[in-house]
Every structure is written in C-alpha cells, then in structure tokens.
Amino acid sequence: MSKVKLPENGNPIKTSQKLENTEIEFPVTFQLKAVLDATAADDENMKKLSEVFKKLKVSSSYVGNKKSSKGTYVSYNYNITLQSRELLEKLYSDLKNVPGLKFAL
C-alpha cells in the first residue's frame, strides 16, 4: 500500500489527487453514505439500498440517517464490508440505478 504524499510547494491537494496510486487492501470495511431525495419515506429509501446490498451479498449494518437543513435530501449511513475491488465497482455501479439517489460516498 502506498502512502499519500503531500506536495512540496505547500498547495492543497485535490481529493482526486490524494487517492492516486493508493491501493485498498481487501477485505475492507468502511462507512458508506448514500444521499437520496427526501420525497420517499425513510423505510422505502432504506429498502432500496438494502436490496442492492443483498443482491451483491455485501455485509452491511445501518448506522443512521440525517436530513438536510432544508429537508430536501436524506443521507443514509451504513457500515459495509467488501471482499474485492470488483465488488466495490459493482456496488457503486448498481447504486447509480437506485431511484432518487443523488450520490454515494
């Protein structure tokens, strides 16, 4: 695994640059944040996300959610464990198809 290097000139690094040449060691557990429209009920949004996890056989546990200040969006947090890079890529690909999803980190 390579370490993240800071620039010698002291300028801030863009987020995409921070992860260049950084390898993830699998299996890996991290907190996934998925932001969805608040137009649907929480249980409906959570069901949509859980269906993706179940389909891919991704180990997940619900952590919590939080509405945006204007109540337009809700972020859902899950601890997930992934076994491979392929599964990571498939997860994010499948999440793109979740109705109401704005983004996932």
C-alpha atoms as a PDB file:
ATOM      1  CA  MET A   1       0.000   0.000   0.000  1.00  0.00           C
ATOM      2  CA  SER A   2       1.403   3.383  -0.938  1.00  0.00           C
ATOM      3  CA  LYS A   3       1.227   6.403   1.299  1.00  0.00           C
ATOM      4  CA  VAL A   4      -0.389   9.678   0.303  1.00  0.00           C
ATOM      5  CA  LYS A   5       2.306  12.253  -0.476  1.00  0.00           C
ATOM      6  CA  LEU A   6       1.832  15.944   0.202  1.00  0.00           C
ATOM      7  CA  PRO A   7       3.151  18.428  -2.340  1.00  0.00           C
ATOM      8  CA  GLU A   8       6.437  20.105  -1.554  1.00  0.00           C
ATOM      9  CA  ASN A   9       5.089  23.522  -2.593  1.00  0.00           C
ATOM     10  CA  GLY A  10       2.521  23.549   0.238  1.00  0.00           C
ATOM     11  CA  ASN A  11      -0.502  23.949  -2.060  1.00  0.00           C
ATOM     12  CA  PRO A  12      -3.601  21.963  -1.136  1.00  0.00           C
ATOM     13  CA  ILE A  13      -4.162  18.647  -2.918  1.00  0.00           C
ATOM     14  CA  LYS A  14      -7.391  17.967  -4.780  1.00  0.00           C
ATOM     15  CA  THR A  15      -9.322  14.991  -3.384  1.00  0.00           C
ATOM     16  CA  SER A  16      -8.853  13.002  -6.594  1.00  0.00           C
ATOM     17  CA  GLN A  17      -5.096  13.541  -6.373  1.00  0.00           C
ATOM     18  CA  LYS A  18      -4.961  12.309  -2.775  1.00  0.00           C
ATOM     19  CA  LEU A  19      -6.075   8.840  -3.833  1.00  0.00           C
ATOM     20  CA  GLU A  20      -3.878   8.478  -6.900  1.00  0.00           C
ATOM     21  CA  ASN A  21      -1.574   5.470  -6.592  1.00  0.00           C
ATOM     22  CA  THR A  22      -3.218   4.446  -3.313  1.00  0.00           C
ATOM     23  CA  GLU A  23      -4.223   0.820  -3.041  1.00  0.00           C
ATOM     24  CA  ILE A  24      -7.061  -0.541  -0.950  1.00  0.00           C
ATOM     25  CA  GLU A  25      -6.431  -3.798   0.872  1.00  0.00           C
ATOM     26  CA  PHE A  26      -9.415  -6.166   0.759  1.00  0.00           C
ATOM     27  CA  PRO A  27     -11.469  -7.174   2.582  1.00  0.00           C
ATOM     28  CA  VAL A  28     -12.245  -3.618   3.657  1.00  0.00           C
ATOM     29  CA  THR A  29     -14.912  -2.203   5.970  1.00  0.00           C
ATOM     30  CA  PHE A  30     -15.947   1.432   5.663  1.00  0.00           C
ATOM     31  CA  GLN A  31     -18.914   3.714   6.170  1.00  0.00           C
ATOM     32  CA  LEU A  32     -20.949   4.260   3.012  1.00  0.00           C
ATOM     33  CA  LYS A  33     -23.035   7.436   2.802  1.00  0.00           C
ATOM     34  CA  ALA A  34     -25.864   7.442   0.268  1.00  0.00           C
ATOM     35  CA  VAL A  35     -27.813  10.658  -0.302  1.00  0.00           C
ATOM     36  CA  LEU A  36     -31.354  10.308  -1.632  1.00  0.00           C
ATOM     37  CA  ASP A  37     -34.323  12.589  -2.267  1.00  0.00           C
ATOM     38  CA  ALA A  38     -36.427  13.061   0.853  1.00  0.00           C
ATOM     39  CA  THR A  39     -39.618  12.702  -1.187  1.00  0.00           C
ATOM     40  CA  ALA A  40     -39.781   8.970  -0.368  1.00  0.00           C
ATOM     41  CA  ALA A  41     -40.233   7.610   3.163  1.00  0.00           C
ATOM     42  CA  ASP A  42     -37.139   6.523   5.090  1.00  0.00           C
ATOM     43  CA  ASP A  43     -38.177   2.862   5.114  1.00  0.00           C
ATOM     44  CA  GLU A  44     -38.660   2.945   1.331  1.00  0.00           C
ATOM     45  CA  ASN A  45     -35.233   4.525   0.722  1.00  0.00           C
ATOM     46  CA  MET A  46     -33.567   2.104   3.130  1.00  0.00           C
ATOM     47  CA  LYS A  47     -35.260  -0.819   1.376  1.00  0.00           C
ATOM     48  CA  LYS A  48     -33.864   0.347  -1.985  1.00  0.00           C
ATOM     49  CA  LEU A  49     -30.331   0.434  -0.572  1.00  0.00           C
ATOM     50  CA  SER A  50     -30.708  -2.878   1.286  1.00  0.00           C
ATOM     51  CA  GLU A  51     -31.846  -4.587  -1.913  1.00  0.00           C
ATOM     52  CA  VAL A  52     -28.573  -3.601  -3.604  1.00  0.00           C
ATOM     53  CA  PHE A  53     -26.554  -4.913  -0.638  1.00  0.00           C
ATOM     54  CA  LYS A  54     -28.486  -8.199  -0.594  1.00  0.00           C
ATOM     55  CA  LYS A  55     -28.212  -8.683  -4.362  1.00  0.00           C
ATOM     56  CA  LEU A  56     -24.428  -8.316  -4.183  1.00  0.00           C
ATOM     57  CA  LYS A  57     -24.143 -10.220  -0.873  1.00  0.00           C
ATOM     58  CA  VAL A  58     -22.460  -7.233   0.771  1.00  0.00           C
ATOM     59  CA  SER A  59     -22.300  -7.338   4.545  1.00  0.00           C
ATOM     60  CA  SER A  60     -23.939  -4.154   5.839  1.00  0.00           C
ATOM     61  CA  SER A  61     -25.230  -2.627   9.040  1.00  0.00           C
ATOM     62  CA  TYR A  62     -27.331   0.506   9.285  1.00  0.00           C
ATOM     63  CA  VAL A  63     -25.699   3.348  11.242  1.00  0.00           C
ATOM     64  CA  GLY A  64     -28.204   6.184  10.906  1.00  0.00           C
ATOM     65  CA  ASN A  65     -29.575   8.931   8.721  1.00  0.00           C
ATOM     66  CA  LYS A  66     -29.760  12.708   8.652  1.00  0.00           C
ATOM     67  CA  LYS A  67     -31.992  15.124   6.755  1.00  0.00           C
ATOM     68  CA  SER A  68     -30.508  18.124   5.010  1.00  0.00           C
ATOM     69  CA  SER A  69     -31.143  21.541   6.526  1.00  0.00           C
ATOM     70  CA  LYS A  70     -33.917  22.287   4.023  1.00  0.00           C
ATOM     71  CA  GLY A  71     -35.340  18.762   4.256  1.00  0.00           C
ATOM     72  CA  THR A  72     -34.773  18.098   0.548  1.00  0.00           C
ATOM     73  CA  TYR A  73     -32.341  15.189   0.956  1.00  0.00           C
ATOM     74  CA  VAL A  74     -31.585  12.448   3.449  1.00  0.00           C
ATOM     75  CA  SER A  75     -28.186  10.816   3.909  1.00  0.00           C
ATOM     76  CA  TYR A  76     -28.152   7.161   4.977  1.00  0.00           C
ATOM     77  CA  ASN A  77     -25.031   5.697   6.569  1.00  0.00           C
ATOM     78  CA  TYR A  78     -24.134   2.021   6.511  1.00  0.00           C
ATOM     79  CA  ASN A  79     -21.034   0.144   7.602  1.00  0.00           C
ATOM     80  CA  ILE A  80     -20.234  -2.211   4.756  1.00  0.00           C
ATOM     81  CA  THR A  81     -17.585  -4.845   4.146  1.00  0.00           C
ATOM     82  CA  LEU A  82     -16.347  -5.570   0.641  1.00  0.00           C
ATOM     83  CA  GLN A  83     -14.229  -8.512  -0.421  1.00  0.00           C
ATOM     84  CA  SER A  84     -12.762  -7.220  -3.700  1.00  0.00           C
ATOM     85  CA  ARG A  85     -12.255  -4.230  -5.984  1.00  0.00           C
ATOM     86  CA  GLU A  86     -14.668  -5.810  -8.472  1.00  0.00           C
ATOM     87  CA  LEU A  87     -17.368  -5.877  -5.807  1.00  0.00           C
ATOM     88  CA  LEU A  88     -16.625  -2.244  -4.917  1.00  0.00           C
ATOM     89  CA  GLU A  89     -17.036  -1.210  -8.551  1.00  0.00           C
ATOM     90  CA  LYS A  90     -20.206  -3.285  -8.949  1.00  0.00           C
ATOM     91  CA  LEU A  91     -21.690  -1.777  -5.771  1.00  0.00           C
ATOM     92  CA  TYR A  92     -21.235   1.798  -6.967  1.00  0.00           C
ATOM     93  CA  SER A  93     -22.467   0.859 -10.433  1.00  0.00           C
ATOM     94  CA  ASP A  94     -25.642  -0.687  -9.005  1.00  0.00           C
ATOM     95  CA  LEU A  95     -26.191   2.206  -6.597  1.00  0.00           C
ATOM     96  CA  LYS A  96     -26.339   4.569  -9.605  1.00  0.00           C
ATOM     97  CA  ASN A  97     -29.579   2.813 -10.587  1.00  0.00           C
ATOM     98  CA  VAL A  98     -31.325   3.383  -7.240  1.00  0.00           C
ATOM     99  CA  PRO A  99     -34.280   5.728  -7.821  1.00  0.00           C
ATOM    100  CA  GLY A 100     -33.792   9.049  -6.032  1.00  0.00           C
ATOM    101  CA  LEU A 101     -30.068   8.548  -5.355  1.00  0.00           C
ATOM    102  CA  LYS A 102     -28.093  11.775  -5.717  1.00  0.00           C
ATOM    103  CA  PHE A 103     -24.666  10.405  -4.815  1.00  0.00           C
ATOM    104  CA  ALA A 104     -22.873   7.801  -2.723  1.00  0.00           C
ATOM    105  CA  LEU A 105     -19.508   8.105  -0.980  1.00  0.00           C
END
